[in-house]
Every structure is written in structure tokens, then in C-alpha cells.
Amino acid sequence: METASYRLDGVDKLPANETAEARKVLLEGLGFNPSLQLTDELGAMAEQLYPRLNSHEAAVWAQFLRGVHSKKQGHWADYSFDRVPTEVLEDIAFAESCAVFSDIEIWTRQARGNDDPMVIGVIGEREQNRMSHPPNNASSVHTAQMFKVARWGESLAAFEEIETEVFNASLWPRYGLDPSKLPTHVVNYARAEFAQRPNRTIDVEHAFRRHCHRKMYRVNQKLVCGVCGHVRS
């Protein structure tokens, strides 16, 4: 069993932030929800502890790990899909002790499976459909700030490998097209589409229009020449 802790090197406690603490006291005294009104401050504090997932990374991970188990929603009480390593439990305990996350989630490859799970610290409120226990809705992943806390599994694939797997799964060649035989220009255009919206299916099919004396390919409603890469609507 391999484990990976994403806590930044040399960090053993959360640095004090007097401005954020004072704002939190004011918010609580006035009846505001600090988790909604302190997202910027909490995000900056969390960055001193763990790496933030940018929107593309978060979307790719959400497509790869579609099962979500929320501590805030009480899902951990019946989490029995695998044995969480002690090292990961210690990482989770530290993340919780820092009191910067609105929720801590365990993402799994399947809704009720244990293929390379990952612990995510969440700041801000999530769309309700993302918080359903499982399956979740990966399209709502951008509604909160996400931070990598820990992973475990038999073998932990690099993000680049996972990104390629998610891209290949999003590619939907139609009418018998072999994805392994698509022209490089078509694949490159599809990858550019994937980079912008990793949670979107990419349809690929032959088009009637021709360019460079060959049939063009339709990639999500755009026509792409497999010979020169020319793109048109």
C-alpha cells in the first residue's frame, strides 16, 4: 500500500492570522456564516499547508474519482470500502485541526469502490448535487476551493497519466472511427477542447466537407482538417 501526504514540507501548524481571526469574531457576532465570508482568507491560509487544485486539475480529478464521501455530511460513519492507512488518518486529523476547511472529503474511483482514494480539503460551499452521496456531479467542482491532503492505494498514478486516461474516456469517436487512428491534428484539437472543459464529452466523426482533398472531422461541432489542422465552424 502506497500513501502520499501533500502537506507542504516543514509545516507542523497553521501560521497565525490575526486579521482573519478578528474578522471571524466580527462575523460570528453579527450572525454571518464565516465559512462563506472568509473564503479568501481561509484559502490563503490553506495554501500555506497544502497545494491548491486549479480548476482544470479539480475537474480532471473529479472525472477520475467520481465517488465523494463527505465528513460534513456524515458519510464517513459508514465508510467501509477499504482500510484507511494510519498515516492518512494522521494527515486528516492535522488538516481538521487547522480549522480552515469547510469540509473534508474522500474521493474514490467508483461510487462505492476503493481505487486510489484521495482526501480533499474544501473551502466554501458546494452545489448540493455535488454533495450527494454518491454518485456526485463533477460539473459542480468549481464552486469551492479544493486542496490535496493525501492519497493512498496499491499504486499512485501521476496526474499526467490520470489526465490522459480521463481524456481518452471523454473521446467518443462515432460510426466506427478508431480513436488510435485519428490524425494528430484532430487529437490535438480534441485535447485543446478537453483542457478547457475536462468534464465534457468530445464527439468525433467524419464530416462531408473536405479540405486538403480529404474529408474533415467534426469535433464538437467544429470542422478540423486532419491534414493541416485547419479549423472552421
C-alpha atoms as a PDB file:
ATOM      1  CA  MET A   1       0.000   0.000   0.000  1.00  0.00           C
ATOM      2  CA  GLU A   2       1.388   3.373  -1.040  1.00  0.00           C
ATOM      3  CA  THR A   3       0.484   6.643   0.642  1.00  0.00           C
ATOM      4  CA  ALA A   4       1.171  10.260  -0.289  1.00  0.00           C
ATOM      5  CA  SER A   5       0.895  13.240   2.020  1.00  0.00           C
ATOM      6  CA  TYR A   6       0.595  16.621   0.323  1.00  0.00           C
ATOM      7  CA  ARG A   7       1.299  18.709   3.397  1.00  0.00           C
ATOM      8  CA  LEU A   8       3.996  21.208   2.476  1.00  0.00           C
ATOM      9  CA  ASP A   9       7.469  20.439   3.794  1.00  0.00           C
ATOM     10  CA  GLY A  10       8.296  21.762   7.246  1.00  0.00           C
ATOM     11  CA  VAL A  11       4.707  22.688   8.153  1.00  0.00           C
ATOM     12  CA  ASP A  12       3.601  21.419  11.557  1.00  0.00           C
ATOM     13  CA  LYS A  13       0.992  24.053  12.429  1.00  0.00           C
ATOM     14  CA  LEU A  14      -1.066  26.767  10.801  1.00  0.00           C
ATOM     15  CA  PRO A  15       0.610  30.210  10.958  1.00  0.00           C
ATOM     16  CA  ALA A  16      -1.413  32.739  12.945  1.00  0.00           C
ATOM     17  CA  ASN A  17      -3.535  35.223  11.011  1.00  0.00           C
ATOM     18  CA  GLU A  18      -4.748  37.901  13.392  1.00  0.00           C
ATOM     19  CA  THR A  19      -6.691  39.785  10.710  1.00  0.00           C
ATOM     20  CA  ALA A  20      -8.649  36.681   9.759  1.00  0.00           C
ATOM     21  CA  GLU A  21      -9.306  35.807  13.400  1.00  0.00           C
ATOM     22  CA  ALA A  22     -10.599  39.306  14.131  1.00  0.00           C
ATOM     23  CA  ARG A  23     -12.868  39.178  11.074  1.00  0.00           C
ATOM     24  CA  LYS A  24     -14.170  35.770  12.137  1.00  0.00           C
ATOM     25  CA  VAL A  25     -15.121  37.124  15.580  1.00  0.00           C
ATOM     26  CA  LEU A  26     -16.989  40.018  13.947  1.00  0.00           C
ATOM     27  CA  LEU A  27     -18.812  37.737  11.528  1.00  0.00           C
ATOM     28  CA  GLU A  28     -19.900  35.312  14.241  1.00  0.00           C
ATOM     29  CA  GLY A  29     -21.029  38.164  16.467  1.00  0.00           C
ATOM     30  CA  LEU A  30     -23.155  39.625  13.677  1.00  0.00           C
ATOM     31  CA  GLY A  31     -24.699  36.307  12.699  1.00  0.00           C
ATOM     32  CA  PHE A  32     -22.829  35.736   9.422  1.00  0.00           C
ATOM     33  CA  ASN A  33     -21.511  32.345   8.328  1.00  0.00           C
ATOM     34  CA  PRO A  34     -17.686  32.617   8.499  1.00  0.00           C
ATOM     35  CA  SER A  35     -17.244  29.753   6.022  1.00  0.00           C
ATOM     36  CA  LEU A  36     -18.974  31.906   3.397  1.00  0.00           C
ATOM     37  CA  GLN A  37     -17.449  35.255   4.313  1.00  0.00           C
ATOM     38  CA  LEU A  38     -13.847  34.151   4.976  1.00  0.00           C
ATOM     39  CA  THR A  39     -13.167  32.150   1.796  1.00  0.00           C
ATOM     40  CA  ASP A  40     -10.346  34.409   0.581  1.00  0.00           C
ATOM     41  CA  GLU A  41      -8.592  34.472   3.951  1.00  0.00           C
ATOM     42  CA  LEU A  42      -9.065  30.752   4.550  1.00  0.00           C
ATOM     43  CA  GLY A  43      -7.853  29.951   1.030  1.00  0.00           C
ATOM     44  CA  ALA A  44      -4.671  31.962   1.595  1.00  0.00           C
ATOM     45  CA  MET A  45      -4.117  30.187   4.905  1.00  0.00           C
ATOM     46  CA  ALA A  46      -4.711  26.750   3.390  1.00  0.00           C
ATOM     47  CA  GLU A  47      -2.135  27.482   0.667  1.00  0.00           C
ATOM     48  CA  GLN A  48       0.470  27.585   3.420  1.00  0.00           C
ATOM     49  CA  LEU A  49      -0.397  23.984   4.254  1.00  0.00           C
ATOM     50  CA  TYR A  50      -1.452  22.142   1.083  1.00  0.00           C
ATOM     51  CA  PRO A  51      -1.311  22.570  -2.707  1.00  0.00           C
ATOM     52  CA  ARG A  52      -4.419  24.088  -4.244  1.00  0.00           C
ATOM     53  CA  LEU A  53      -6.109  22.360  -7.160  1.00  0.00           C
ATOM     54  CA  ASN A  54      -6.643  24.720 -10.062  1.00  0.00           C
ATOM     55  CA  SER A  55      -9.924  24.474 -11.974  1.00  0.00           C
ATOM     56  CA  HIS A  56      -8.506  22.110 -14.625  1.00  0.00           C
ATOM     57  CA  GLU A  57      -6.886  19.785 -12.079  1.00  0.00           C
ATOM     58  CA  ALA A  58     -10.023  19.730  -9.949  1.00  0.00           C
ATOM     59  CA  ALA A  59     -12.193  18.874 -12.960  1.00  0.00           C
ATOM     60  CA  VAL A  60      -9.842  16.073 -14.071  1.00  0.00           C
ATOM     61  CA  TRP A  61      -9.671  14.564 -10.590  1.00  0.00           C
ATOM     62  CA  ALA A  62     -13.462  14.786 -10.292  1.00  0.00           C
ATOM     63  CA  GLN A  63     -13.847  12.828 -13.526  1.00  0.00           C
ATOM     64  CA  PHE A  64     -11.310  10.214 -12.390  1.00  0.00           C
ATOM     65  CA  LEU A  65     -12.604   9.931  -8.812  1.00  0.00           C
ATOM     66  CA  ARG A  66     -16.363  10.185  -9.140  1.00  0.00           C
ATOM     67  CA  GLY A  67     -17.384   8.929  -5.703  1.00  0.00           C
ATOM     68  CA  VAL A  68     -17.431  11.546  -2.952  1.00  0.00           C
ATOM     69  CA  HIS A  69     -17.692  10.844   0.779  1.00  0.00           C
ATOM     70  CA  SER A  70     -18.175  13.992   2.846  1.00  0.00           C
ATOM     71  CA  LYS A  71     -17.249  14.245   6.513  1.00  0.00           C
ATOM     72  CA  LYS A  72     -19.597  17.202   6.927  1.00  0.00           C
ATOM     73  CA  GLN A  73     -22.499  15.203   5.533  1.00  0.00           C
ATOM     74  CA  GLY A  74     -21.764  12.276   7.858  1.00  0.00           C
ATOM     75  CA  HIS A  75     -20.700   9.823   5.151  1.00  0.00           C
ATOM     76  CA  TRP A  76     -17.576   8.648   6.984  1.00  0.00           C
ATOM     77  CA  ALA A  77     -19.559   6.787   9.630  1.00  0.00           C
ATOM     78  CA  ASP A  78     -20.280   4.002   7.114  1.00  0.00           C
ATOM     79  CA  TYR A  79     -17.054   4.252   5.094  1.00  0.00           C
ATOM     80  CA  SER A  80     -16.024   0.606   4.892  1.00  0.00           C
ATOM     81  CA  PHE A  81     -14.845   0.290   1.299  1.00  0.00           C
ATOM     82  CA  ASP A  82     -11.202  -0.116   2.297  1.00  0.00           C
ATOM     83  CA  ARG A  83      -8.831   0.294   5.226  1.00  0.00           C
ATOM     84  CA  VAL A  84      -7.661   3.909   5.537  1.00  0.00           C
ATOM     85  CA  PRO A  85      -3.921   3.847   6.367  1.00  0.00           C
ATOM     86  CA  THR A  86      -2.858   5.262   9.724  1.00  0.00           C
ATOM     87  CA  GLU A  87      -0.596   7.807   8.011  1.00  0.00           C
ATOM     88  CA  VAL A  88      -3.597   9.166   6.107  1.00  0.00           C
ATOM     89  CA  LEU A  89      -5.699   9.290   9.279  1.00  0.00           C
ATOM     90  CA  GLU A  90      -2.959  11.403  10.858  1.00  0.00           C
ATOM     91  CA  ASP A  91      -2.956  13.718   7.831  1.00  0.00           C
ATOM     92  CA  ILE A  92      -6.733  14.099   8.060  1.00  0.00           C
ATOM     93  CA  ALA A  93      -6.535  14.823  11.799  1.00  0.00           C
ATOM     94  CA  PHE A  94      -3.939  17.548  11.184  1.00  0.00           C
ATOM     95  CA  ALA A  95      -5.991  19.094   8.348  1.00  0.00           C
ATOM     96  CA  GLU A  96      -9.072  19.161  10.556  1.00  0.00           C
ATOM     97  CA  SER A  97      -7.160  20.644  13.493  1.00  0.00           C
ATOM     98  CA  CYS A  98      -6.171  23.643  11.358  1.00  0.00           C
ATOM     99  CA  ALA A  99      -9.865  24.645  11.143  1.00  0.00           C
ATOM    100  CA  VAL A 100      -9.589  26.187   7.679  1.00  0.00           C
ATOM    101  CA  PHE A 101     -11.685  23.725   5.688  1.00  0.00           C
ATOM    102  CA  SER A 102     -15.465  23.874   5.387  1.00  0.00           C
ATOM    103  CA  ASP A 103     -15.445  20.141   4.730  1.00  0.00           C
ATOM    104  CA  ILE A 104     -13.025  17.269   4.179  1.00  0.00           C
ATOM    105  CA  GLU A 105     -13.955  14.731   1.520  1.00  0.00           C
ATOM    106  CA  ILE A 106     -12.670  11.337   0.403  1.00  0.00           C
ATOM    107  CA  TRP A 107     -12.911  10.901  -3.361  1.00  0.00           C
ATOM    108  CA  THR A 108     -12.921   7.363  -4.753  1.00  0.00           C
ATOM    109  CA  ARG A 109     -12.645   5.946  -8.259  1.00  0.00           C
ATOM    110  CA  GLN A 110     -16.108   4.414  -8.067  1.00  0.00           C
ATOM    111  CA  ALA A 111     -19.121   5.433  -6.064  1.00  0.00           C
ATOM    112  CA  ARG A 112     -18.577   2.509  -3.694  1.00  0.00           C
ATOM    113  CA  GLY A 113     -15.065   1.368  -4.522  1.00  0.00           C
ATOM    114  CA  ASN A 114     -11.523   1.944  -3.293  1.00  0.00           C
ATOM    115  CA  ASP A 115      -9.288   2.560  -6.285  1.00  0.00           C
ATOM    116  CA  ASP A 116      -6.617   5.140  -5.279  1.00  0.00           C
ATOM    117  CA  PRO A 117      -8.797   7.331  -2.999  1.00  0.00           C
ATOM    118  CA  MET A 118      -7.791  10.932  -2.303  1.00  0.00           C
ATOM    119  CA  VAL A 119      -8.551  13.251   0.611  1.00  0.00           C
ATOM    120  CA  ILE A 120      -9.624  16.760  -0.409  1.00  0.00           C
ATOM    121  CA  GLY A 121      -9.916  19.813   1.824  1.00  0.00           C
ATOM    122  CA  VAL A 122     -12.808  22.050   0.751  1.00  0.00           C
ATOM    123  CA  ILE A 123     -13.234  25.772   1.420  1.00  0.00           C
ATOM    124  CA  GLY A 124     -16.586  27.340   0.603  1.00  0.00           C
ATOM    125  CA  GLU A 125     -19.978  25.866  -0.076  1.00  0.00           C
ATOM    126  CA  ARG A 126     -20.514  23.259  -2.756  1.00  0.00           C
ATOM    127  CA  GLU A 127     -23.514  22.874  -5.008  1.00  0.00           C
ATOM    128  CA  GLN A 128     -25.915  20.432  -3.400  1.00  0.00           C
ATOM    129  CA  ASN A 129     -25.799  17.983  -6.301  1.00  0.00           C
ATOM    130  CA  ARG A 130     -22.018  17.667  -5.878  1.00  0.00           C
ATOM    131  CA  MET A 131     -22.559  16.754  -2.249  1.00  0.00           C
ATOM    132  CA  SER A 132     -24.987  13.925  -2.965  1.00  0.00           C
ATOM    133  CA  HIS A 133     -23.679  10.681  -1.558  1.00  0.00           C
ATOM    134  CA  PRO A 134     -22.689   9.100  -4.315  1.00  0.00           C
ATOM    135  CA  PRO A 135     -22.829   9.476  -7.229  1.00  0.00           C
ATOM    136  CA  ASN A 136     -21.739  13.096  -7.334  1.00  0.00           C
ATOM    137  CA  ASN A 137     -21.984  15.673 -10.080  1.00  0.00           C
ATOM    138  CA  ALA A 138     -18.472  16.534 -11.199  1.00  0.00           C
ATOM    139  CA  SER A 139     -19.651  19.615 -13.095  1.00  0.00           C
ATOM    140  CA  SER A 140     -20.049  21.495  -9.802  1.00  0.00           C
ATOM    141  CA  VAL A 141     -16.428  21.000  -8.786  1.00  0.00           C
ATOM    142  CA  HIS A 142     -15.517  24.658  -9.423  1.00  0.00           C
ATOM    143  CA  THR A 143     -17.916  26.060  -6.814  1.00  0.00           C
ATOM    144  CA  ALA A 144     -15.402  25.784  -3.953  1.00  0.00           C
ATOM    145  CA  GLN A 145     -11.651  25.873  -3.365  1.00  0.00           C
ATOM    146  CA  MET A 146     -10.017  22.440  -3.342  1.00  0.00           C
ATOM    147  CA  PHE A 147      -6.775  21.350  -1.674  1.00  0.00           C
ATOM    148  CA  LYS A 148      -4.993  17.988  -1.880  1.00  0.00           C
ATOM    149  CA  VAL A 149      -4.460  16.482   1.557  1.00  0.00           C
ATOM    150  CA  ALA A 150      -3.474  12.829   0.981  1.00  0.00           C
ATOM    151  CA  ARG A 151      -3.830   9.768  -1.268  1.00  0.00           C
ATOM    152  CA  TRP A 152      -3.450   6.052  -0.831  1.00  0.00           C
ATOM    153  CA  GLY A 153      -3.653   2.941  -2.992  1.00  0.00           C
ATOM    154  CA  GLU A 154      -1.782  -0.010  -4.449  1.00  0.00           C
ATOM    155  CA  SER A 155      -0.028   2.255  -6.953  1.00  0.00           C
ATOM    156  CA  LEU A 156      -0.454   6.008  -7.201  1.00  0.00           C
ATOM    157  CA  ALA A 157      -0.501   7.101 -10.835  1.00  0.00           C
ATOM    158  CA  ALA A 158       0.939  10.501 -11.727  1.00  0.00           C
ATOM    159  CA  PHE A 159      -1.516  13.271 -12.607  1.00  0.00           C
ATOM    160  CA  GLU A 160      -0.340  13.238 -16.234  1.00  0.00           C
ATOM    161  CA  GLU A 161      -1.322   9.560 -16.549  1.00  0.00           C
ATOM    162  CA  ILE A 162      -4.705  10.236 -14.979  1.00  0.00           C
ATOM    163  CA  GLU A 163      -5.255  13.238 -17.253  1.00  0.00           C
ATOM    164  CA  THR A 164      -4.565  11.062 -20.315  1.00  0.00           C
ATOM    165  CA  GLU A 165      -6.940   8.369 -19.073  1.00  0.00           C
ATOM    166  CA  VAL A 166      -9.703  10.914 -18.478  1.00  0.00           C
ATOM    167  CA  PHE A 167      -9.090  12.467 -21.920  1.00  0.00           C
ATOM    168  CA  ASN A 168      -9.281   9.076 -23.638  1.00  0.00           C
ATOM    169  CA  ALA A 169     -12.500   8.296 -21.769  1.00  0.00           C
ATOM    170  CA  SER A 170     -14.019  11.633 -22.864  1.00  0.00           C
ATOM    171  CA  LEU A 171     -13.279  10.943 -26.542  1.00  0.00           C
ATOM    172  CA  TRP A 172     -16.310   9.489 -28.336  1.00  0.00           C
ATOM    173  CA  PRO A 173     -15.471   8.553 -31.940  1.00  0.00           C
ATOM    174  CA  ARG A 174     -18.653   7.855 -33.887  1.00  0.00           C
ATOM    175  CA  TYR A 175     -19.575   5.498 -36.698  1.00  0.00           C
ATOM    176  CA  GLY A 176     -16.736   3.051 -36.240  1.00  0.00           C
ATOM    177  CA  LEU A 177     -13.870   5.537 -36.077  1.00  0.00           C
ATOM    178  CA  ASP A 178     -10.800   4.045 -34.415  1.00  0.00           C
ATOM    179  CA  PRO A 179      -9.538   6.576 -31.818  1.00  0.00           C
ATOM    180  CA  SER A 180      -5.995   5.211 -32.149  1.00  0.00           C
ATOM    181  CA  LYS A 181      -6.014   6.130 -35.855  1.00  0.00           C
ATOM    182  CA  LEU A 182      -7.269   9.697 -35.588  1.00  0.00           C
ATOM    183  CA  PRO A 183      -4.948  12.245 -37.265  1.00  0.00           C
ATOM    184  CA  THR A 184      -2.602  14.132 -34.953  1.00  0.00           C
ATOM    185  CA  HIS A 185      -4.243  17.478 -35.759  1.00  0.00           C
ATOM    186  CA  VAL A 186      -7.647  16.120 -34.759  1.00  0.00           C
ATOM    187  CA  VAL A 187      -6.321  14.671 -31.500  1.00  0.00           C
ATOM    188  CA  ASN A 188      -4.532  17.946 -30.692  1.00  0.00           C
ATOM    189  CA  TYR A 189      -7.703  19.938 -31.258  1.00  0.00           C
ATOM    190  CA  ALA A 190      -9.642  17.488 -29.078  1.00  0.00           C
ATOM    191  CA  ARG A 191      -7.019  17.865 -26.337  1.00  0.00           C
ATOM    192  CA  ALA A 192      -7.380  21.650 -26.501  1.00  0.00           C
ATOM    193  CA  GLU A 193     -11.143  21.230 -26.050  1.00  0.00           C
ATOM    194  CA  PHE A 194     -10.510  18.869 -23.152  1.00  0.00           C
ATOM    195  CA  ALA A 195      -8.136  21.348 -21.488  1.00  0.00           C
ATOM    196  CA  GLN A 196     -10.898  23.947 -21.424  1.00  0.00           C
ATOM    197  CA  ARG A 197     -13.686  21.628 -20.247  1.00  0.00           C
ATOM    198  CA  PRO A 198     -12.449  18.273 -18.903  1.00  0.00           C
ATOM    199  CA  ASN A 199     -15.953  17.240 -17.848  1.00  0.00           C
ATOM    200  CA  ARG A 200     -17.355  17.449 -21.374  1.00  0.00           C
ATOM    201  CA  THR A 201     -17.696  14.558 -23.826  1.00  0.00           C
ATOM    202  CA  ILE A 202     -15.788  15.125 -27.082  1.00  0.00           C
ATOM    203  CA  ASP A 203     -17.668  13.792 -30.093  1.00  0.00           C
ATOM    204  CA  VAL A 204     -15.573  12.999 -33.180  1.00  0.00           C
ATOM    205  CA  GLU A 205     -16.966  11.977 -36.559  1.00  0.00           C
ATOM    206  CA  HIS A 206     -16.303  12.345 -40.282  1.00  0.00           C
ATOM    207  CA  ALA A 207     -17.832  15.398 -41.949  1.00  0.00           C
ATOM    208  CA  PHE A 208     -18.993  15.777 -45.546  1.00  0.00           C
ATOM    209  CA  ARG A 209     -16.929  18.933 -46.099  1.00  0.00           C
ATOM    210  CA  ARG A 210     -13.450  18.402 -47.497  1.00  0.00           C
ATOM    211  CA  HIS A 211     -10.145  20.199 -47.020  1.00  0.00           C
ATOM    212  CA  CYS A 212      -6.733  19.329 -48.437  1.00  0.00           C
ATOM    213  CA  HIS A 213      -8.647  16.874 -50.684  1.00  0.00           C
ATOM    214  CA  ARG A 214      -9.687  14.799 -47.637  1.00  0.00           C
ATOM    215  CA  LYS A 215     -12.823  14.579 -45.545  1.00  0.00           C
ATOM    216  CA  MET A 216     -12.685  16.825 -42.492  1.00  0.00           C
ATOM    217  CA  TYR A 217     -13.526  15.679 -38.976  1.00  0.00           C
ATOM    218  CA  ARG A 218     -16.273  17.166 -36.848  1.00  0.00           C
ATOM    219  CA  VAL A 219     -15.073  17.685 -33.284  1.00  0.00           C
ATOM    220  CA  ASN A 220     -17.828  19.036 -31.042  1.00  0.00           C
ATOM    221  CA  GLN A 221     -19.441  20.959 -33.896  1.00  0.00           C
ATOM    222  CA  LYS A 222     -16.150  22.329 -35.259  1.00  0.00           C
ATOM    223  CA  LEU A 223     -14.634  21.059 -38.508  1.00  0.00           C
ATOM    224  CA  VAL A 224     -10.959  20.095 -38.307  1.00  0.00           C
ATOM    225  CA  CYS A 225      -8.736  19.134 -41.223  1.00  0.00           C
ATOM    226  CA  GLY A 226      -6.734  16.018 -40.387  1.00  0.00           C
ATOM    227  CA  VAL A 227      -4.022  17.008 -42.890  1.00  0.00           C
ATOM    228  CA  CYS A 228      -3.215  20.622 -41.986  1.00  0.00           C
ATOM    229  CA  GLY A 229      -5.212  21.273 -38.790  1.00  0.00           C
ATOM    230  CA  HIS A 230      -7.405  23.991 -40.321  1.00  0.00           C
ATOM    231  CA  VAL A 231     -10.482  24.662 -38.155  1.00  0.00           C
ATOM    232  CA  ARG A 232     -13.804  26.110 -39.233  1.00  0.00           C
ATOM    233  CA  SER A 233     -17.345  26.253 -37.917  1.00  0.00           C
END
